[in-house]
Amino acid sequence: MMKKAEIVGLNKPLRIVQVDIPATPKKGAIVKVAYSGVCHSDIHQWDDCIDLGNTKIGLSDAIGYKLPVVPGHEISGTVYSIGEEADAAAGLKVGDRVAVYPWIGCSKCGVCTHGKSECCKERQLTIIGVGASSGGHSTHVAVTEVQFVVKLPDSIPLDLACMLPCSGLTTYNAVTSVLDTVEKATLYHGKASVLIIGAGGLGLWSLRLAQALFPPTTEITVADIS
């Protein structure tokens, strides 16, 4: 048996239920959850509102979205079971420490087959913890394909690993997007200056990644309203 926390209504307390552990996907795995981060997207689901500045949208308007839903897409844990048709090239075995890449697509379209599942048009039905696919605010989570279950080195603790596929990747992309510019400015002028706007979770990730990746002479400033 497993426990899971479900969103049952707008701004209502999550409901804790006990159910059977789902069947292991033939090409995937069941992960026993150790940590499930609370991303702001989880709050958006609970509020059923994303503020885009000039407009607001509700996640319940998305195709395939229905309550109750188990949120949580920042997941780490250990492999509980592996499907009988799972790709052996993934090199996974029961008990391995893993993080889950939640941005799963349909696995059939052009973007999915070229490693860009986060851009899949059908992802609303398949992203873990958003809409139709149950997430990590539970003791166990099903992952449809083992390619989305990432084995961790011993140097990465599970409480950190759960955040890597979401806030970690988001900010890694931001920092590496300007890395070439920073390196060229350093080459031409001896140093570069970088401003990070916002000192919340993503801002602090950006700061640490910038410190690790930018040339040591880079002047990094972080600004926030508080």
Protein backbone atom coordinates (compact mmCIF):
# COMPACT_ATOMS: atom_id res chain seq x y z
CA MET A 1 0.00 0.00 0.00
CA MET A 2 1.02 3.64 -0.47
CA LYS A 3 -0.12 7.04 0.76
CA LYS A 4 -0.64 10.13 -1.37
CA ALA A 5 -1.71 13.74 -0.82
CA GLU A 6 -4.31 14.97 -3.29
CA ILE A 7 -5.52 18.42 -4.27
CA VAL A 8 -9.30 18.07 -4.11
CA GLY A 9 -10.39 21.68 -4.59
CA LEU A 10 -9.36 25.30 -4.83
CA ASN A 11 -7.42 26.30 -1.68
CA LYS A 12 -8.75 23.31 0.22
CA PRO A 13 -6.57 21.16 2.50
CA LEU A 14 -4.91 18.29 0.71
CA ARG A 15 -6.55 14.92 1.26
CA ILE A 16 -4.38 12.02 2.44
CA VAL A 17 -5.49 8.70 1.02
CA GLN A 18 -4.12 5.17 1.11
CA VAL A 19 -4.22 3.10 -2.08
CA ASP A 20 -2.46 0.21 -3.75
CA ILE A 21 0.98 0.86 -5.21
CA PRO A 22 0.43 1.24 -8.98
CA ALA A 23 1.51 -1.47 -11.38
CA THR A 24 5.04 -0.95 -12.67
CA PRO A 25 4.98 0.58 -16.17
CA LYS A 26 6.36 -1.97 -18.65
CA LYS A 27 9.08 0.37 -19.89
CA GLY A 28 9.38 2.38 -16.69
CA ALA A 29 9.80 2.10 -12.97
CA ILE A 30 8.23 2.77 -9.59
CA VAL A 31 10.27 5.12 -7.41
CA LYS A 32 9.93 5.09 -3.64
CA VAL A 33 9.88 8.78 -2.80
CA ALA A 34 12.38 10.17 -0.31
CA TYR A 35 11.89 13.89 -1.03
CA SER A 36 9.33 15.86 -3.02
CA GLY A 37 10.00 19.58 -3.28
CA VAL A 38 7.27 22.21 -3.17
CA CYS A 39 7.67 24.27 -6.33
CA HIS A 40 5.65 27.44 -6.85
CA SER A 41 3.89 25.55 -9.66
CA ASP A 42 2.40 23.30 -6.99
CA ILE A 43 0.94 26.40 -5.33
CA HIS A 44 -0.42 27.50 -8.72
CA GLN A 45 -2.25 24.18 -8.94
CA TRP A 46 -3.67 24.59 -5.47
CA ASP A 47 -4.78 28.15 -6.36
CA ASP A 48 -5.78 27.08 -9.89
CA CYS A 49 -4.27 30.36 -11.05
CA ILE A 50 -1.10 31.44 -12.85
CA ASP A 51 -0.58 35.22 -13.01
CA LEU A 52 1.09 36.07 -16.33
CA GLY A 53 1.09 39.80 -15.62
CA ASN A 54 -1.42 40.89 -18.25
CA THR A 55 -3.73 37.92 -17.72
CA LYS A 56 -4.44 35.03 -15.41
CA ILE A 57 -5.05 31.44 -16.42
CA GLY A 58 -6.26 28.40 -14.52
CA LEU A 59 -4.56 25.02 -14.81
CA SER A 60 -7.97 23.36 -14.73
CA ASP A 61 -8.55 24.83 -18.21
CA ALA A 62 -5.85 22.54 -19.62
CA ILE A 63 -6.87 19.49 -21.62
CA GLY A 64 -6.88 16.38 -19.46
CA TYR A 65 -6.59 18.23 -16.15
CA LYS A 66 -8.94 16.93 -13.52
CA LEU A 67 -9.16 16.71 -9.75
CA PRO A 68 -8.15 15.09 -7.56
CA VAL A 69 -4.49 15.42 -8.54
CA VAL A 70 -1.32 14.52 -6.65
CA PRO A 71 1.14 17.43 -7.05
CA GLY A 72 4.91 17.32 -6.77
CA HIS A 73 7.33 17.21 -9.71
CA GLU A 74 10.60 17.63 -7.76
CA ILE A 75 11.23 14.02 -6.82
CA SER A 76 14.11 11.95 -5.50
CA GLY A 77 14.17 8.51 -3.93
CA THR A 78 15.12 4.93 -4.64
CA VAL A 79 14.09 2.49 -7.35
CA TYR A 80 11.31 0.27 -5.99
CA SER A 81 10.61 -1.80 -9.11
CA ILE A 82 11.54 -1.88 -12.80
CA GLY A 83 9.31 -2.78 -15.74
CA GLU A 84 9.83 -5.98 -17.68
CA GLU A 85 10.44 -4.08 -20.94
CA ALA A 86 12.61 -1.33 -19.44
CA ASP A 87 15.69 -0.33 -21.43
CA ALA A 88 18.67 -2.08 -19.84
CA ALA A 89 20.91 0.71 -21.15
CA ALA A 90 19.58 2.90 -18.34
CA GLY A 91 21.65 0.75 -16.00
CA LEU A 92 19.12 0.87 -13.17
CA LYS A 93 18.53 -1.69 -10.47
CA VAL A 94 16.21 -1.88 -7.49
CA GLY A 95 17.55 0.22 -4.61
CA ASP A 96 19.44 2.74 -6.75
CA ARG A 97 19.33 6.36 -5.55
CA VAL A 98 17.65 8.43 -8.26
CA ALA A 99 16.10 11.73 -9.25
CA VAL A 100 13.06 11.85 -11.52
CA TYR A 101 12.96 14.04 -14.63
CA PRO A 102 9.28 15.03 -14.63
CA TRP A 103 8.94 16.78 -18.01
CA ILE A 104 7.73 13.68 -19.81
CA GLY A 105 6.05 13.92 -23.21
CA CYS A 106 4.20 11.49 -25.45
CA SER A 107 7.48 9.74 -26.45
CA LYS A 108 6.23 9.57 -30.06
CA CYS A 109 6.35 13.05 -31.60
CA GLY A 110 9.39 14.73 -33.16
CA VAL A 111 10.37 16.77 -30.12
CA CYS A 112 10.17 13.74 -27.82
CA THR A 113 12.24 11.50 -30.09
CA HIS A 114 14.89 14.23 -30.26
CA GLY A 115 15.21 14.64 -26.51
CA LYS A 116 12.99 17.71 -26.06
CA SER A 117 10.05 16.15 -24.23
CA GLU A 118 9.51 19.35 -22.23
CA CYS A 119 8.23 20.91 -25.49
CA CYS A 120 5.75 18.14 -26.32
CA LYS A 121 2.24 19.37 -27.12
CA GLU A 122 0.80 16.43 -25.18
CA ARG A 123 2.85 17.06 -22.04
CA GLN A 124 -0.18 18.24 -20.05
CA LEU A 125 -1.25 14.60 -19.96
CA THR A 126 2.15 13.17 -19.10
CA ILE A 127 4.19 15.59 -16.94
CA ILE A 128 4.55 14.08 -13.48
CA GLY A 129 2.67 16.01 -10.80
CA VAL A 130 0.82 18.35 -13.16
CA GLY A 131 -2.69 17.58 -14.33
CA ALA A 132 -3.38 14.00 -15.28
CA SER A 133 -0.21 12.32 -13.99
CA SER A 134 0.23 11.73 -10.23
CA GLY A 135 3.25 13.37 -8.63
CA GLY A 136 5.68 13.00 -5.80
CA HIS A 137 3.59 14.11 -2.83
CA SER A 138 3.17 10.41 -2.19
CA THR A 139 5.21 7.49 -0.96
CA HIS A 140 5.60 6.00 -4.45
CA VAL A 141 5.45 7.44 -7.97
CA ALA A 142 5.21 5.73 -11.37
CA VAL A 143 7.55 6.84 -14.16
CA THR A 144 6.53 5.67 -17.62
CA GLU A 145 10.04 5.19 -19.04
CA VAL A 146 13.34 4.53 -17.27
CA GLN A 147 15.09 7.19 -19.35
CA PHE A 148 13.41 9.71 -17.04
CA VAL A 149 14.84 8.07 -13.91
CA VAL A 150 18.35 9.40 -13.35
CA LYS A 151 20.85 7.51 -11.20
CA LEU A 152 22.64 9.75 -8.73
CA PRO A 153 26.30 9.80 -7.72
CA ASP A 154 26.96 9.33 -4.00
CA SER A 155 28.11 12.97 -3.79
CA ILE A 156 24.56 14.32 -4.35
CA PRO A 157 22.25 13.95 -1.33
CA LEU A 158 18.60 13.12 -1.99
CA ASP A 159 17.27 16.32 -0.42
CA LEU A 160 19.26 18.34 -2.98
CA ALA A 161 18.67 15.94 -5.88
CA CYS A 162 14.90 16.40 -5.86
CA MET A 163 15.32 20.03 -6.93
CA LEU A 164 17.82 19.48 -9.74
CA PRO A 165 15.35 18.57 -12.55
CA CYS A 166 13.27 21.74 -11.92
CA SER A 167 14.84 24.76 -10.23
CA GLY A 168 18.35 23.41 -10.82
CA LEU A 169 17.88 22.97 -14.58
CA THR A 170 15.89 26.20 -14.95
CA THR A 171 18.69 28.28 -13.49
CA TYR A 172 21.48 26.24 -15.09
CA ASN A 173 19.91 27.13 -18.43
CA ALA A 174 19.75 30.81 -17.49
CA VAL A 175 23.37 30.95 -16.32
CA THR A 176 24.83 28.98 -19.22
CA SER A 177 22.84 31.10 -21.70
CA VAL A 178 24.97 34.13 -20.78
CA LEU A 179 28.18 32.23 -20.04
CA ASP A 180 29.66 32.90 -23.50
CA THR A 181 28.95 36.62 -23.18
CA VAL A 182 30.53 36.76 -19.71
CA GLU A 183 33.62 34.89 -20.92
CA LYS A 184 34.03 37.21 -23.92
CA ALA A 185 33.64 40.31 -21.73
CA THR A 186 36.26 38.92 -19.37
CA LEU A 187 38.60 38.22 -22.30
CA TYR A 188 38.18 41.71 -23.78
CA HIS A 189 37.98 43.79 -20.60
CA GLY A 190 39.51 41.64 -17.86
CA LYS A 191 36.24 41.18 -16.00
CA ALA A 192 32.46 41.19 -16.36
CA SER A 193 29.53 42.32 -14.24
CA VAL A 194 26.31 40.31 -13.91
CA LEU A 195 23.01 41.30 -12.29
CA ILE A 196 20.67 38.59 -10.98
CA ILE A 197 17.19 39.97 -10.36
CA GLY A 198 15.44 38.17 -7.52
CA ALA A 199 16.87 36.41 -4.47
CA GLY A 200 14.26 33.71 -4.05
CA GLY A 201 14.81 30.03 -4.73
CA LEU A 202 15.72 30.49 -8.40
CA GLY A 203 17.81 33.57 -7.70
CA LEU A 204 19.90 31.76 -5.11
CA TRP A 205 20.36 28.80 -7.46
CA SER A 206 21.51 31.27 -10.13
CA LEU A 207 23.96 32.85 -7.72
CA ARG A 208 25.58 29.56 -6.74
CA LEU A 209 25.77 28.33 -10.33
CA ALA A 210 27.18 31.67 -11.51
CA GLN A 211 29.84 31.49 -8.82
CA ALA A 212 30.73 27.98 -9.98
CA LEU A 213 30.70 28.59 -13.75
CA PHE A 214 31.64 32.22 -14.40
CA PRO A 215 35.28 33.38 -14.41
CA PRO A 216 36.44 34.16 -10.84
CA THR A 217 36.83 37.86 -11.66
CA THR A 218 33.11 38.23 -12.45
CA GLU A 219 31.29 40.76 -10.26
CA ILE A 220 27.91 39.27 -9.38
CA THR A 221 25.14 41.45 -7.90
CA VAL A 222 21.76 40.15 -6.70
CA ALA A 223 18.83 42.58 -6.36
CA ASP A 224 15.48 42.02 -4.71
CA ILE A 225 12.60 44.16 -3.47
CA SER A 226 13.15 42.99 0.13
